[in-house]
Protein backbone atom coordinates (compact mmCIF):
# COMPACT_ATOMS: atom_id res chain seq x y z
CA MET A 1 -5.48 15.54 22.73
CA GLN A 2 -8.23 13.39 24.01
CA GLN A 3 -10.46 16.44 24.62
CA LEU A 4 -9.99 17.30 20.90
CA GLY A 5 -11.20 13.96 19.90
CA GLY A 6 -7.97 12.34 19.33
CA PRO A 7 -6.63 8.96 20.31
CA SER A 8 -7.08 7.41 23.85
CA ARG A 9 -3.79 6.89 25.75
CA TYR A 10 -3.42 3.51 27.51
CA ALA A 11 -1.06 2.14 30.34
CA TYR A 12 1.07 -0.81 29.45
CA THR A 13 -1.14 -2.81 31.96
CA ASP A 14 -4.28 -1.79 29.89
CA ILE A 15 -2.63 -3.22 26.71
CA ILE A 16 -1.92 -6.50 28.65
CA ALA A 17 -5.58 -6.75 29.67
CA ILE A 18 -6.89 -5.85 26.29
CA THR A 19 -4.96 -8.43 24.58
CA GLY A 20 -5.54 -11.09 27.04
CA HIS A 21 -1.83 -11.32 27.74
CA PHE A 22 -1.04 -11.20 24.02
CA ARG A 23 -2.71 -14.41 23.61
CA ASP A 24 -4.00 -13.91 19.83
CA ARG A 25 -1.38 -12.84 17.42
CA LEU A 26 -2.68 -11.67 14.24
CA GLY A 27 0.64 -11.12 12.36
CA GLN A 28 4.32 -10.01 12.69
CA GLY A 29 6.55 -7.71 10.63
CA GLY A 30 9.79 -5.76 10.97
CA TYR A 31 7.96 -3.14 13.19
CA GLY A 32 6.87 -5.73 15.83
CA SER A 33 3.80 -7.83 16.18
CA VAL A 34 0.05 -7.47 15.98
CA TYR A 35 -2.63 -8.80 18.53
CA LYS A 36 -6.21 -8.98 18.39
CA GLY A 37 -7.74 -7.47 21.53
CA ILE A 38 -11.21 -6.56 23.16
CA LEU A 39 -11.97 -2.91 24.52
CA PHE A 40 -14.42 -2.85 27.40
CA PRO A 41 -16.97 -1.53 27.99
CA GLY A 42 -18.74 -2.41 24.57
CA ASN A 43 -16.77 -5.45 23.51
CA ILE A 44 -15.16 -3.67 20.73
CA HIS A 45 -12.57 -5.66 18.71
CA VAL A 46 -9.31 -3.75 18.14
CA ALA A 47 -5.77 -4.81 16.54
CA ILE A 48 -2.86 -3.59 18.88
CA LYS A 49 0.66 -2.95 16.92
CA MET A 50 3.43 -3.52 19.56
CA LEU A 51 6.27 -1.44 18.01
CA ILE A 52 10.07 -2.47 18.59
CA ASN A 53 12.89 -0.47 17.53
CA SER A 54 10.92 2.79 17.49
CA LYS A 55 13.48 5.47 16.82
CA CYS A 56 11.63 8.64 17.98
CA ASN A 57 11.52 9.67 21.51
CA GLY A 58 8.25 9.81 23.52
CA GLU A 59 7.32 13.20 22.69
CA GLU A 60 8.00 12.57 18.82
CA PHE A 61 5.86 9.48 19.00
CA ILE A 62 3.19 11.29 20.81
CA SER A 63 3.12 14.04 18.37
CA GLU A 64 2.82 11.78 15.32
CA VAL A 65 0.28 9.83 17.03
CA SER A 66 -1.82 13.07 17.64
CA THR A 67 -1.80 13.82 14.05
CA ILE A 68 -2.45 10.24 12.53
CA GLY A 69 -5.19 10.03 15.32
CA ARG A 70 -7.03 12.92 13.70
CA ILE A 71 -7.55 11.02 10.36
CA HIS A 72 -10.92 10.21 9.69
CA HIS A 73 -11.63 8.61 6.35
CA VAL A 74 -13.72 5.61 5.24
CA ASN A 75 -10.60 4.23 3.46
CA VAL A 76 -8.11 4.67 6.18
CA VAL A 77 -7.89 2.36 8.95
CA ARG A 78 -8.82 4.46 12.25
CA LEU A 79 -6.18 5.01 15.20
CA ILE A 80 -8.26 4.53 18.24
CA GLY A 81 -5.40 4.78 21.03
CA PHE A 82 -1.83 4.29 21.81
CA CYS A 83 0.76 3.57 24.63
CA SER A 84 3.89 5.30 25.17
CA GLU A 85 5.39 4.00 28.33
CA GLU A 86 9.06 4.10 29.03
CA THR A 87 10.38 2.03 25.98
CA ARG A 88 7.02 0.43 25.12
CA ARG A 89 5.15 1.78 22.02
CA ALA A 90 1.86 0.30 20.96
CA LEU A 91 -0.87 1.57 18.61
CA VAL A 92 -4.49 0.42 18.71
CA TYR A 93 -6.54 0.29 15.70
CA GLU A 94 -9.90 -0.79 14.50
CA TYR A 95 -10.04 -4.35 13.77
CA MET A 96 -10.51 -5.49 10.27
CA PRO A 97 -12.15 -8.95 10.27
CA ASN A 98 -11.58 -9.86 6.51
CA GLY A 99 -7.79 -9.27 6.88
CA SER A 100 -5.65 -8.08 4.27
CA LEU A 101 -5.97 -7.82 0.37
CA ASP A 102 -3.13 -10.17 -0.39
CA ARG A 103 -5.29 -13.06 0.95
CA TYR A 104 -7.74 -12.59 -1.80
CA ILE A 105 -6.02 -11.42 -4.92
CA PHE A 106 -3.24 -14.10 -4.61
CA SER A 107 -5.83 -16.74 -4.23
CA SER A 108 -8.19 -18.47 -6.69
CA GLU A 109 -10.50 -19.50 -3.75
CA LYS A 110 -11.16 -16.19 -2.72
CA SER A 111 -11.31 -13.97 -5.78
CA PHE A 112 -13.45 -11.04 -6.46
CA SER A 113 -15.47 -9.83 -9.39
CA TRP A 114 -13.99 -7.07 -11.78
CA ASP A 115 -16.64 -4.70 -10.40
CA MET A 116 -15.55 -5.51 -6.83
CA LEU A 117 -12.02 -5.09 -7.68
CA ASN A 118 -12.46 -1.74 -9.42
CA MET A 119 -14.36 -0.56 -6.47
CA ILE A 120 -11.75 -1.78 -3.94
CA ALA A 121 -9.13 0.01 -6.25
CA LEU A 122 -11.23 3.33 -6.15
CA GLY A 123 -11.43 3.13 -2.25
CA ILE A 124 -7.57 2.43 -1.92
CA ALA A 125 -6.83 5.49 -4.24
CA ARG A 126 -9.11 7.82 -2.17
CA GLY A 127 -7.61 6.64 1.14
CA ILE A 128 -4.08 7.64 -0.35
CA ASN A 129 -5.26 10.68 -1.73
CA TYR A 130 -6.70 11.77 1.48
CA LEU A 131 -3.40 11.16 3.34
CA HIS A 132 -1.72 13.30 0.84
CA GLN A 133 -4.19 15.85 0.41
CA GLY A 134 -6.82 15.87 3.15
CA CYS A 135 -4.78 16.44 6.47
CA ASP A 136 -2.92 19.22 7.94
CA MET A 137 0.09 17.50 7.36
CA GLN A 138 0.93 15.54 4.22
CA ILE A 139 1.26 11.83 5.04
CA LEU A 140 3.40 9.81 2.84
CA HIS A 141 2.89 5.98 3.38
CA PHE A 142 5.89 4.72 1.61
CA ASP A 143 4.79 1.13 1.91
CA ILE A 144 1.78 0.78 -0.11
CA LYS A 145 1.26 -2.91 -0.75
CA PRO A 146 -1.62 -5.65 -0.65
CA HIS A 147 -0.53 -6.62 2.80
CA ASN A 148 -1.15 -3.20 4.07
CA ILE A 149 -4.52 -2.84 2.71
CA LEU A 150 -7.10 -4.23 5.18
CA LEU A 151 -10.79 -5.09 4.36
CA ASP A 152 -13.69 -4.50 6.98
CA ARG A 153 -16.59 -6.70 7.22
CA ASN A 154 -18.26 -5.20 4.14
CA PHE A 155 -14.99 -5.53 2.19
CA VAL A 156 -14.39 -1.84 2.04
CA PRO A 157 -10.81 -1.39 1.86
CA LYS A 158 -8.66 0.50 4.21
CA VAL A 159 -5.07 1.81 3.96
CA ALA A 160 -3.21 0.46 6.94
CA ASP A 161 0.32 0.60 8.68
CA PHE A 162 1.28 4.09 9.67
CA GLY A 163 3.70 2.66 12.24
CA LEU A 164 6.42 4.20 10.05
CA ALA A 165 4.60 6.54 7.99
CA LYS A 166 6.13 10.19 7.44
CA LEU A 167 4.56 13.38 7.95
CA TYR A 168 5.59 16.55 6.08
CA PRO A 169 4.17 20.01 5.36
CA ARG A 170 1.94 19.81 2.21
CA ASP A 171 4.03 22.39 0.24
CA ASN A 172 7.16 20.70 0.69
CA SER A 173 7.78 18.42 -2.44
CA PHE A 174 11.20 17.50 -1.27
CA VAL A 175 11.55 14.46 1.34
CA PRO A 176 15.09 13.41 2.50
CA LEU A 177 16.72 10.24 1.54
CA SER A 178 16.54 9.22 5.13
CA ALA A 179 12.73 8.66 4.68
CA MET A 180 13.52 5.76 2.56
CA ARG A 181 11.41 2.54 3.42
CA GLY A 182 9.23 0.19 1.82
CA THR A 183 9.14 -3.29 0.26
CA VAL A 184 11.17 -4.37 -2.71
CA GLY A 185 8.84 -4.93 -5.66
CA TYR A 186 6.80 -1.77 -4.67
CA ILE A 187 9.51 0.75 -3.92
CA ALA A 188 9.53 3.69 -6.38
CA PRO A 189 13.04 3.96 -8.40
CA GLU A 190 13.64 7.32 -6.90
CA MET A 191 13.83 5.55 -3.37
CA VAL A 192 16.59 3.88 -4.59
CA SER A 193 18.34 6.54 -6.98
CA ARG A 194 17.69 10.27 -7.02
CA SER A 195 18.60 10.28 -10.71
CA PHE A 196 14.70 9.28 -11.19
CA GLY A 197 13.56 12.08 -9.34
CA VAL A 198 13.07 13.26 -5.78
CA ILE A 199 11.08 11.39 -3.01
CA SER A 200 7.52 12.65 -2.90
CA SER A 201 4.07 11.72 -2.84
CA LYS A 202 4.75 10.29 -6.32
CA SER A 203 6.54 7.55 -4.59
CA ASP A 204 3.27 6.41 -3.23
CA VAL A 205 1.66 6.42 -6.67
CA TYR A 206 4.30 4.31 -8.06
CA SER A 207 3.70 1.60 -5.20
CA PHE A 208 -0.21 1.97 -5.68
CA GLY A 209 0.62 1.29 -9.48
CA MET A 210 2.37 -2.00 -8.75
CA LEU A 211 -0.47 -3.11 -6.26
CA LEU A 212 -3.02 -2.11 -9.04
CA LEU A 213 -1.33 -4.36 -11.44
CA GLU A 214 -1.22 -7.36 -8.91
CA MET A 215 -4.98 -6.86 -8.44
CA ALA A 216 -5.47 -7.01 -12.13
CA GLY A 217 -3.20 -10.03 -12.81
CA GLY A 218 -4.32 -12.18 -9.60
CA ARG A 219 -0.68 -12.82 -9.16
CA ARG A 220 2.71 -11.10 -7.87
CA ASN A 221 3.97 -8.84 -10.43
CA ALA A 222 7.65 -10.73 -10.31
CA ASP A 223 6.91 -14.57 -10.00
CA PRO A 224 9.67 -17.02 -10.78
CA ASN A 225 7.08 -20.03 -10.68
CA VAL A 226 5.47 -18.77 -13.53
CA THR A 227 5.94 -21.63 -16.23
CA ASN A 228 6.24 -19.04 -19.30
CA SER A 229 9.48 -17.19 -18.74
CA SER A 230 8.10 -14.40 -20.73
CA GLN A 231 5.36 -13.83 -18.21
CA ASN A 232 7.71 -13.83 -15.13
CA TYR A 233 7.50 -10.14 -14.92
CA TYR A 234 3.57 -9.07 -15.43
CA PRO A 235 3.87 -5.29 -15.87
CA SER A 236 6.05 -6.11 -19.08
CA TRP A 237 3.94 -8.97 -20.22
CA VAL A 238 0.80 -7.10 -20.00
CA TYR A 239 2.05 -3.96 -21.51
CA ASP A 240 3.09 -5.96 -24.60
CA ARG A 241 -0.30 -7.50 -24.76
CA LEU A 242 -2.21 -4.24 -24.67
CA ILE A 243 0.14 -2.66 -27.12
CA GLU A 244 -0.77 -5.67 -29.39
CA GLN A 245 -4.42 -5.44 -28.98
CA GLN A 246 -4.12 -1.49 -29.64
CA VAL A 247 -2.48 -2.02 -33.05
CA GLY A 248 -4.78 -4.70 -33.87
CA GLU A 249 -2.72 -7.79 -33.59
CA ILE A 250 -4.59 -11.16 -32.53
CA SER A 251 -3.80 -11.28 -28.85
CA VAL A 252 -3.69 -14.77 -27.05
CA ILE A 253 -5.39 -13.13 -23.96
CA ASN A 254 -9.15 -12.03 -23.78
CA MET A 255 -9.03 -9.12 -21.17
CA HIS A 256 -11.93 -7.86 -19.23
CA GLU A 257 -12.63 -4.12 -19.96
CA LEU A 258 -12.09 -3.58 -16.17
CA GLU A 259 -9.10 -5.69 -15.96
CA LYS A 260 -7.57 -3.46 -18.97
CA LYS A 261 -8.57 -0.36 -17.45
CA LEU A 262 -6.89 -1.40 -14.04
CA CYS A 263 -3.80 -2.35 -16.16
CA ILE A 264 -3.55 0.71 -17.99
CA ILE A 265 -3.79 3.04 -14.86
CA GLY A 266 -1.28 0.93 -13.17
CA LEU A 267 1.10 1.18 -16.04
CA TRP A 268 0.58 4.96 -15.80
CA CYS A 269 1.23 4.92 -12.19
CA ILE A 270 4.80 3.05 -12.65
CA GLN A 271 6.45 5.45 -14.99
CA MET A 272 10.10 5.65 -14.03
CA LYS A 273 10.25 9.43 -13.74
CA SER A 274 8.22 10.64 -10.97
CA HIS A 275 6.97 13.71 -13.03
CA ASP A 276 5.29 11.21 -15.71
CA ARG A 277 3.06 9.62 -13.06
CA PRO A 278 -0.45 11.05 -12.22
CA THR A 279 -1.18 12.30 -8.86
CA MET A 280 -3.61 10.23 -6.66
CA SER A 281 -6.54 12.53 -7.37
CA GLU A 282 -5.83 12.14 -11.06
CA VAL A 283 -5.62 8.34 -10.41
CA ILE A 284 -9.24 8.65 -8.85
CA GLU A 285 -10.53 10.57 -12.10
CA MET A 286 -8.98 7.73 -14.18
CA LEU A 287 -10.70 4.97 -12.22
CA GLN A 288 -14.06 6.63 -12.49
CA SER A 289 -13.67 7.30 -16.18
CA ASP A 290 -14.54 5.09 -19.42
CA ILE A 291 -11.64 3.06 -20.53
CA ASN A 292 -12.06 4.60 -23.99
CA VAL A 293 -10.95 7.81 -22.72
CA LEU A 294 -7.78 6.23 -21.36
CA GLU A 295 -4.40 6.45 -23.47
CA MET A 296 -1.69 3.91 -23.24
CA PRO A 297 1.26 5.48 -21.29
CA SER A 298 4.86 5.29 -22.46
CA ARG A 299 6.72 1.93 -22.04
CA PRO A 300 7.85 1.89 -18.27
CA PHE A 301 11.67 1.39 -18.01
CA PHE A 302 11.46 -1.90 -16.50
CA CYS A 303 9.31 -3.23 -19.89
CA ASP A 304 12.21 -2.94 -21.78
CA GLY A 305 13.32 -5.92 -23.86
CA GLN A 306 15.39 -8.48 -21.86
CA GLU A 307 18.64 -7.35 -23.46
CA GLN A 308 18.49 -4.17 -21.83
CA VAL A 309 17.82 -5.19 -18.50
CA SER A 310 19.59 -2.59 -16.09
CA ALA A 311 20.98 -3.16 -12.79
CA LEU A 312 18.05 -1.45 -11.22
CA ASP A 313 15.75 -4.18 -13.01
CA SER A 314 17.94 -6.84 -11.50
CA TYR A 315 17.44 -5.37 -8.04
CA TYR A 316 13.79 -5.68 -8.27
CA LEU A 317 13.35 -8.90 -10.06
CA SER A 318 15.77 -10.74 -7.91
CA SER A 319 14.70 -9.35 -4.70
CA GLN A 320 11.10 -9.35 -5.31
CA LEU A 321 10.20 -12.16 -2.86
CA ASP A 322 12.31 -11.00 0.06
CA ASP A 323 9.40 -9.59 2.07
CA ILE A 324 6.92 -12.25 1.33
CA GLU A 325 7.81 -14.79 4.07
CA GLU A 326 7.76 -12.01 6.79
CA ASP A 327 4.37 -10.93 5.58
CA ASP A 328 2.73 -14.18 5.34
CA GLU A 329 3.71 -15.22 9.01
């Protein structure tokens, strides 16, 4: 695998040395912990993810690592190496000095310009599209969210967290229900109920749409702390504002053109039925197009009036903040 340019294999003793006995922890999640490390020679900074509860055996793990290790795209975090020694599993990634996207879009102190946000959105879309279309195997991420988008020193976005990603033949549009994973608030409806369609690459499109709306709104889509209760669920609120502007009603908000563009594309991506959503390649075209050529999508199911809030709505809205504490550790 290494002769073919794949990731390097490290012994567990190497991992201990690289991390300085796990001295500098960058974060923690359900998969395990991430530590900062330095590769010698060259003083190359890396991020090492120590996996816990890895369900696949050693051969399966190495097979997945070899596939993911061949990914080379400017908008995907590069896998440098791995460790598979008895029950110990680790992934060695390039280090991203500017951290994750959520540190910036949810903080007024670290806000980006609209041009920068549009550029970041386009980069993320290209990265996800590459995973879907650019590899021998289709890689479905299933956990696209701001926390899993990392930024390099020039704020180029890179899709991260492949510790739990799933690999499928590109011509196989059907994904088993056992593949379900993700974070509440970004999970596509079909991941909860098959009545909304089959699990596929369109499930990542839905998650990207939720991420895009949060980038545009500068806030979490479901925020119980918003003082105006009608604005608690941002996708619903912004959809109504855009419709008001479309029919010429006086709106209380003055939206930047790029803000409006990101919102319209995001609303297309979160359509409830998977076949109504664009592909990631179509999303890229939309992000590169002029806002005047974009049509408003149908009202997403979650944007219906309060009297029609469904059980699935309640599931999303009441559980939105479940993973936030874990992400922010």
